[in-house]
């Protein structure tokens, strides 16, 4: 019986707004002479400036996709190496324990993992379907077998991982492969928690994204559990191509921030993602007792449009392709990360802190 570090994912993704860019990486064009003539029509010249100006929107899209692809490739490379290292470590741990118990590796896994596995109940399958049916595509009849298999894989993986975690403690494991860390700017962005907290979580999010809304519960649980050990920084990443109200919602949060009510507006918008029109945002500001005239002027003047655009650009540069995207002390995570997965990384970061001298 062989188990990998990662469970087989459900065939239909439901945890992530947006899609990874799969186009090939292309180097940016070198700066060219804008006065260069690229064509002539009846003696009238068409210059590089005409060409690039006319194609500006498509060129910008190409540049963004290229940056995303490059950043993603580095992350995927590291994930491949980490996955292989995990597999090699786990194999050695299982072999050590099997030798100690006088069993083969397969016999040990049958004893410790297979014997503890129970098939998902119909209630568990139905609950999963009910909780996620709005995010899944397909009929109930089509989805239930996939859900059952997904839950079974998750159960097997949890049992296996709990087992090898115990073996790590028993035999001791030291890894020298450092996690991938990406420098993500936090200065000047809305934050919650001490500035000197040992763990900083940066979340690129979209107020109209349902998976970001789902992630909110996980983040709140993390804040309750870790308290002042964690600082949360919010970065804007509205997916305007699929969420028509996300841009103005992002700007509204920053307009509320001008009046020190960012997090209150943040919560209201996630609680009511269907109410993100400019009119609805203004009503939310009124319910928070903000200065209505100041807020409305801020929102209608596009005061923060460029800042939101800058957040998207900086997110793209660090590999964000959809939301939610989370960085824990620079370690990238994608999608609606389960609490246990996020907590494990935070625990790893806290364990790595230097021991204070008495």
Protein backbone atom coordinates (compact mmCIF):
# COMPACT_ATOMS: atom_id res chain seq x y z
CA UNK A 1 0.00 0.00 0.00
CA UNK A 2 1.61 3.26 -1.10
CA UNK A 3 0.43 6.66 0.00
CA UNK A 4 1.78 9.95 -1.25
CA UNK A 5 2.13 13.10 0.80
CA UNK A 6 -0.79 14.72 -1.01
CA UNK A 7 -4.30 13.37 -1.43
CA UNK A 8 -5.85 13.06 -4.85
CA UNK A 9 -7.90 16.23 -5.40
CA UNK A 10 -11.59 16.20 -6.23
CA UNK A 11 -11.96 16.34 -9.98
CA UNK A 12 -13.74 19.68 -9.80
CA UNK A 13 -11.91 22.57 -8.16
CA UNK A 14 -13.96 24.67 -5.75
CA UNK A 15 -11.43 26.46 -3.61
CA UNK A 16 -9.97 29.14 -5.82
CA UNK A 17 -11.20 32.20 -7.77
CA UNK A 18 -9.30 32.51 -11.01
CA UNK A 19 -7.09 30.18 -13.04
CA UNK A 20 -3.39 29.56 -13.39
CA UNK A 21 -1.81 30.96 -16.51
CA UNK A 22 -0.60 28.17 -18.77
CA UNK A 23 0.80 30.12 -21.67
CA UNK A 24 4.52 29.85 -22.32
CA UNK A 25 6.95 32.30 -20.78
CA UNK A 26 8.06 35.03 -23.08
CA UNK A 27 10.76 37.55 -22.43
CA UNK A 28 9.70 41.17 -22.41
CA UNK A 29 10.49 43.09 -25.55
CA UNK A 30 13.47 45.36 -25.36
CA UNK A 31 12.67 49.05 -25.38
CA UNK A 32 12.56 50.11 -28.99
CA UNK A 33 12.79 53.46 -30.74
CA UNK A 34 9.21 54.73 -30.73
CA UNK A 35 9.86 56.81 -33.82
CA UNK A 36 10.88 53.74 -35.83
CA UNK A 37 8.69 53.29 -38.90
CA UNK A 38 7.15 49.82 -39.02
CA UNK A 39 4.91 50.35 -42.09
CA UNK A 40 3.88 52.96 -44.64
CA UNK A 41 0.49 53.39 -46.23
CA UNK A 42 0.44 55.62 -49.29
CA UNK A 43 3.39 57.51 -47.92
CA UNK A 44 2.01 57.81 -44.38
CA UNK A 45 4.20 56.22 -41.75
CA UNK A 46 3.04 53.91 -38.94
CA UNK A 47 5.55 54.07 -36.11
CA UNK A 48 6.46 51.87 -33.19
CA UNK A 49 4.63 54.38 -30.99
CA UNK A 50 1.43 53.95 -33.04
CA UNK A 51 1.84 50.18 -32.89
CA UNK A 52 2.45 49.92 -29.14
CA UNK A 53 -0.16 52.52 -28.26
CA UNK A 54 -2.83 50.67 -30.24
CA UNK A 55 -1.91 47.35 -28.69
CA UNK A 56 -1.36 48.74 -25.18
CA UNK A 57 -4.18 46.82 -23.53
CA UNK A 58 -3.26 43.48 -25.05
CA UNK A 59 0.44 44.05 -24.38
CA UNK A 60 -0.32 44.79 -20.74
CA UNK A 61 -2.31 41.56 -20.49
CA UNK A 62 0.58 39.65 -22.10
CA UNK A 63 3.06 41.17 -19.67
CA UNK A 64 0.91 40.25 -16.67
CA UNK A 65 0.52 36.67 -17.88
CA UNK A 66 4.26 36.39 -18.47
CA UNK A 67 5.06 37.61 -14.96
CA UNK A 68 2.51 35.25 -13.44
CA UNK A 69 3.87 32.30 -15.36
CA UNK A 70 7.46 33.00 -14.35
CA UNK A 71 6.58 33.31 -10.66
CA UNK A 72 4.40 30.20 -10.78
CA UNK A 73 7.15 28.14 -12.38
CA UNK A 74 9.51 28.87 -9.49
CA UNK A 75 6.84 27.88 -6.98
CA UNK A 76 5.99 24.68 -8.84
CA UNK A 77 9.68 23.73 -9.04
CA UNK A 78 10.02 24.08 -5.28
CA UNK A 79 6.78 22.16 -4.67
CA UNK A 80 8.08 19.27 -6.79
CA UNK A 81 11.31 19.12 -4.77
CA UNK A 82 9.47 19.40 -1.44
CA UNK A 83 7.01 16.67 -2.39
CA UNK A 84 9.84 14.34 -3.38
CA UNK A 85 11.74 15.07 -0.17
CA UNK A 86 8.63 14.35 1.90
CA UNK A 87 8.15 11.05 0.07
CA UNK A 88 11.78 9.99 0.62
CA UNK A 89 11.67 10.90 4.33
CA UNK A 90 8.38 9.06 4.82
CA UNK A 91 9.68 5.95 3.04
CA UNK A 92 12.72 5.84 5.32
CA UNK A 93 10.59 6.33 8.44
CA UNK A 94 8.23 3.53 7.43
CA UNK A 95 11.20 1.26 6.63
CA UNK A 96 12.76 1.93 10.06
CA UNK A 97 9.53 1.18 11.92
CA UNK A 98 8.81 -1.90 9.80
CA UNK A 99 12.28 -3.27 10.57
CA UNK A 100 11.80 -2.66 14.28
CA UNK A 101 8.48 -4.52 14.27
CA UNK A 102 9.75 -7.33 12.05
CA UNK A 103 7.28 -6.52 9.28
CA UNK A 104 7.50 -5.55 5.64
CA UNK A 105 6.64 -1.96 4.73
CA UNK A 106 3.34 -3.08 3.22
CA UNK A 107 2.43 -5.11 6.30
CA UNK A 108 3.17 -2.15 8.56
CA UNK A 109 0.99 0.19 6.50
CA UNK A 110 -1.82 -2.35 6.44
CA UNK A 111 -1.59 -2.63 10.22
CA UNK A 112 -1.32 1.09 11.04
CA UNK A 113 -3.24 2.74 8.21
CA UNK A 114 -5.55 0.34 6.37
CA UNK A 115 -6.93 -1.19 9.55
CA UNK A 116 -7.84 2.24 10.91
CA UNK A 117 -9.61 3.38 7.73
CA UNK A 118 -13.39 3.55 7.53
CA UNK A 119 -15.27 4.41 4.37
CA UNK A 120 -17.05 7.80 4.39
CA UNK A 121 -20.62 7.54 5.57
CA UNK A 122 -23.54 8.55 3.40
CA UNK A 123 -24.15 11.38 5.84
CA UNK A 124 -20.60 12.69 5.37
CA UNK A 125 -20.93 12.52 1.58
CA UNK A 126 -24.30 14.25 1.62
CA UNK A 127 -23.07 16.96 4.02
CA UNK A 128 -20.10 17.69 1.75
CA UNK A 129 -22.42 17.92 -1.25
CA UNK A 130 -24.86 20.24 0.54
CA UNK A 131 -22.06 22.51 1.76
CA UNK A 132 -20.42 22.81 -1.66
CA UNK A 133 -23.10 22.25 -4.30
CA UNK A 134 -23.10 25.92 -5.34
CA UNK A 135 -19.42 25.63 -6.22
CA UNK A 136 -19.52 22.28 -7.99
CA UNK A 137 -20.54 21.60 -11.55
CA UNK A 138 -22.49 18.49 -12.39
CA UNK A 139 -25.55 16.60 -11.26
CA UNK A 140 -25.85 15.03 -7.81
CA UNK A 141 -25.66 11.58 -9.42
CA UNK A 142 -22.41 12.47 -11.19
CA UNK A 143 -20.82 14.18 -8.19
CA UNK A 144 -21.53 11.77 -5.33
CA UNK A 145 -19.07 9.03 -6.45
CA UNK A 146 -16.32 11.66 -6.87
CA UNK A 147 -17.11 13.20 -3.48
CA UNK A 148 -17.05 9.76 -1.84
CA UNK A 149 -13.65 9.01 -3.38
CA UNK A 150 -12.33 12.45 -2.42
CA UNK A 151 -13.39 12.02 1.22
CA UNK A 152 -11.95 8.50 1.31
CA UNK A 153 -8.61 9.73 -0.03
CA UNK A 154 -8.58 12.51 2.55
CA UNK A 155 -9.27 10.05 5.37
CA UNK A 156 -6.52 7.67 4.27
CA UNK A 157 -4.08 10.55 3.95
CA UNK A 158 -4.90 11.91 7.42
CA UNK A 159 -4.37 8.49 9.01
CA UNK A 160 -1.12 8.00 7.10
CA UNK A 161 0.13 11.49 7.89
CA UNK A 162 -0.68 11.14 11.58
CA UNK A 163 1.29 7.89 11.58
CA UNK A 164 4.40 9.30 9.89
CA UNK A 165 4.21 12.42 12.09
CA UNK A 166 4.53 10.10 15.10
CA UNK A 167 7.47 8.37 13.43
CA UNK A 168 9.16 11.74 12.83
CA UNK A 169 9.04 12.38 16.57
CA UNK A 170 10.22 8.86 17.39
CA UNK A 171 13.19 8.74 15.03
CA UNK A 172 13.96 12.42 14.57
CA UNK A 173 13.98 14.19 11.22
CA UNK A 174 16.11 17.18 10.27
CA UNK A 175 15.47 18.76 6.89
CA UNK A 176 17.76 21.33 5.32
CA UNK A 177 15.65 22.19 2.30
CA UNK A 178 14.39 25.67 3.10
CA UNK A 179 10.79 26.56 2.26
CA UNK A 180 10.25 28.88 -0.67
CA UNK A 181 9.86 32.44 0.57
CA UNK A 182 8.79 35.41 -1.50
CA UNK A 183 9.28 38.98 -0.38
CA UNK A 184 5.80 40.54 -0.20
CA UNK A 185 5.46 44.21 0.76
CA UNK A 186 3.33 44.95 3.83
CA UNK A 187 4.15 48.56 4.66
CA UNK A 188 1.21 50.95 4.30
CA UNK A 189 -1.43 48.27 3.80
CA UNK A 190 -4.36 47.50 6.14
CA UNK A 191 -3.22 45.21 8.93
CA UNK A 192 -4.46 43.63 12.13
CA UNK A 193 -2.13 42.49 14.90
CA UNK A 194 1.23 43.63 16.31
CA UNK A 195 3.75 45.02 13.82
CA UNK A 196 6.43 42.88 15.48
CA UNK A 197 4.43 39.63 15.48
CA UNK A 198 6.67 36.64 14.67
CA UNK A 199 4.30 35.49 11.92
CA UNK A 200 2.92 37.78 9.22
CA UNK A 201 0.12 36.52 6.99
CA UNK A 202 -0.38 38.51 3.80
CA UNK A 203 -3.65 37.75 2.01
CA UNK A 204 -4.39 38.89 -1.54
CA UNK A 205 -8.17 38.85 -1.72
CA UNK A 206 -11.26 39.86 -3.69
CA UNK A 207 -14.40 41.03 -1.89
CA UNK A 208 -16.63 39.38 -4.51
CA UNK A 209 -14.84 36.00 -4.44
CA UNK A 210 -16.84 33.28 -2.62
CA UNK A 211 -13.67 31.35 -1.74
CA UNK A 212 -12.22 34.45 -0.09
CA UNK A 213 -15.40 34.65 1.96
CA UNK A 214 -14.94 31.00 2.96
CA UNK A 215 -11.30 31.71 3.87
CA UNK A 216 -12.45 34.42 6.28
CA UNK A 217 -13.58 31.84 8.85
CA UNK A 218 -10.19 30.13 8.75
CA UNK A 219 -8.35 33.43 9.21
CA UNK A 220 -10.54 34.36 12.18
CA UNK A 221 -9.88 30.98 13.80
CA UNK A 222 -6.15 31.51 13.30
CA UNK A 223 -6.34 34.95 14.92
CA UNK A 224 -8.27 33.56 17.88
CA UNK A 225 -5.83 30.68 18.34
CA UNK A 226 -2.54 32.53 17.92
CA UNK A 227 -3.48 35.99 19.15
CA UNK A 228 -0.59 38.46 19.08
CA UNK A 229 1.76 35.93 17.52
CA UNK A 230 0.12 36.65 14.16
CA UNK A 231 -0.28 39.80 12.09
CA UNK A 232 -2.68 39.87 9.12
CA UNK A 233 -2.05 42.18 6.17
CA UNK A 234 -4.72 42.64 3.52
CA UNK A 235 -3.77 43.23 -0.13
CA UNK A 236 -6.26 43.96 -2.92
CA UNK A 237 -6.57 41.60 -5.89
CA UNK A 238 -9.99 42.16 -7.54
CA UNK A 239 -10.64 39.78 -10.41
CA UNK A 240 -12.41 42.30 -12.59
CA UNK A 241 -12.92 39.94 -15.52
CA UNK A 242 -15.28 37.73 -13.50
CA UNK A 243 -16.32 39.97 -10.58
CA UNK A 244 -17.79 43.24 -11.90
CA UNK A 245 -18.16 44.86 -8.46
CA UNK A 246 -14.81 43.81 -7.01
CA UNK A 247 -12.87 46.89 -8.09
CA UNK A 248 -15.23 49.39 -6.44
CA UNK A 249 -15.47 47.19 -3.36
CA UNK A 250 -11.68 47.26 -3.06
CA UNK A 251 -11.67 51.05 -3.39
CA UNK A 252 -14.50 51.31 -0.83
CA UNK A 253 -12.47 49.40 1.74
CA UNK A 254 -9.64 51.91 1.37
CA UNK A 255 -12.05 54.85 1.55
CA UNK A 256 -13.32 53.37 4.82
CA UNK A 257 -9.71 52.98 5.92
CA UNK A 258 -9.34 56.76 5.60
CA UNK A 259 -11.81 56.93 8.49
CA UNK A 260 -10.16 54.05 10.42
CA UNK A 261 -12.93 51.57 9.60
CA UNK A 262 -11.25 49.27 7.09
CA UNK A 263 -11.90 46.03 8.93
CA UNK A 264 -15.51 46.90 9.69
CA UNK A 265 -16.16 47.59 5.99
CA UNK A 266 -14.17 44.47 5.12
CA UNK A 267 -16.48 42.35 7.27
CA UNK A 268 -19.68 43.96 5.96
CA UNK A 269 -18.73 43.36 2.34
CA UNK A 270 -17.84 39.73 2.90
CA UNK A 271 -21.08 39.20 4.81
CA UNK A 272 -23.09 40.56 1.87
CA UNK A 273 -21.23 39.88 -1.37
CA UNK A 274 -24.34 40.55 -3.44
CA UNK A 275 -24.50 44.10 -2.12
CA UNK A 276 -21.37 45.59 -3.65
CA UNK A 277 -22.80 48.17 -6.04
CA UNK A 278 -21.73 51.77 -5.41
CA UNK A 279 -25.16 52.49 -3.93
CA UNK A 280 -24.95 49.47 -1.62
CA UNK A 281 -21.40 50.37 -0.58
CA UNK A 282 -22.56 53.87 0.34
CA UNK A 283 -25.31 52.37 2.50
CA UNK A 284 -22.74 50.17 4.23
CA UNK A 285 -20.68 53.28 4.96
CA UNK A 286 -23.78 54.92 6.46
CA UNK A 287 -24.39 51.87 8.68
CA UNK A 288 -20.84 52.28 9.99
CA UNK A 289 -21.58 55.95 10.69
CA UNK A 290 -18.80 57.13 8.40
CA UNK A 291 -18.77 60.68 7.12
CA UNK A 292 -21.02 60.02 4.15
CA UNK A 293 -19.94 62.97 2.00
CA UNK A 294 -16.25 62.20 2.46
CA UNK A 295 -16.76 58.51 1.71
CA UNK A 296 -18.89 59.14 -1.38
CA UNK A 297 -16.42 61.67 -2.78
CA UNK A 298 -13.57 59.23 -2.20
CA UNK A 299 -15.40 56.41 -3.93
CA UNK A 300 -16.81 58.30 -6.92
CA UNK A 301 -13.55 60.18 -7.59
CA UNK A 302 -11.64 56.91 -8.03
CA UNK A 303 -9.19 58.10 -5.39
CA UNK A 304 -7.81 54.61 -4.79
CA UNK A 305 -8.20 53.09 -8.26
CA UNK A 306 -4.48 53.33 -8.99
CA UNK A 307 -3.53 51.95 -5.57
CA UNK A 308 -5.74 48.92 -6.15
CA UNK A 309 -4.19 48.49 -9.59
CA UNK A 310 -0.74 48.67 -7.97
CA UNK A 311 -1.72 45.93 -5.51
CA UNK A 312 -2.76 43.72 -8.41
CA UNK A 313 0.53 44.40 -10.19
CA UNK A 314 2.59 43.63 -7.08
CA UNK A 315 0.53 40.51 -6.48
CA UNK A 316 1.21 39.41 -10.04
CA UNK A 317 4.94 39.94 -9.54
CA UNK A 318 4.93 37.53 -6.58
CA UNK A 319 2.93 34.89 -8.46
CA UNK A 320 -0.69 35.59 -7.52
CA UNK A 321 -3.03 34.34 -10.24
CA UNK A 322 -6.27 34.06 -8.30
CA UNK A 323 -7.82 34.49 -4.89
CA UNK A 324 -7.43 33.87 -2.07
CA UNK A 325 -3.62 33.81 -2.16
CA UNK A 326 -1.84 33.73 1.19
CA UNK A 327 1.80 34.22 2.17
CA UNK A 328 2.91 33.10 5.64
CA UNK A 329 6.21 34.84 6.37
CA UNK A 330 6.64 34.82 2.60
CA UNK A 331 5.67 31.17 2.12
CA UNK A 332 3.06 31.03 -0.68
CA UNK A 333 -0.25 29.17 -0.36
CA UNK A 334 -3.02 29.15 -2.93
CA UNK A 335 -6.75 28.74 -2.49
CA UNK A 336 -9.07 28.37 0.48
CA UNK A 337 -6.47 26.70 2.71
CA UNK A 338 -7.91 24.47 5.48
CA UNK A 339 -7.26 25.58 9.06
CA UNK A 340 -5.01 22.60 9.87
CA UNK A 341 -2.75 23.22 6.88
CA UNK A 342 -2.38 26.91 7.69
CA UNK A 343 -1.85 26.22 11.40
CA UNK A 344 0.88 23.67 10.64
CA UNK A 345 2.87 26.24 8.65
CA UNK A 346 2.44 28.83 11.41
CA UNK A 347 3.61 26.27 13.96
CA UNK A 348 6.65 25.53 11.78
CA UNK A 349 7.47 29.23 11.66
CA UNK A 350 7.12 29.60 15.44
CA UNK A 351 9.31 26.54 16.08
CA UNK A 352 12.01 28.03 13.86
CA UNK A 353 12.30 31.12 16.07
CA UNK A 354 15.54 31.36 18.06
CA UNK A 355 15.20 30.20 21.65
CA UNK A 356 15.42 33.24 23.96
CA UNK A 357 18.45 33.24 26.22
CA UNK A 358 17.66 33.15 29.97
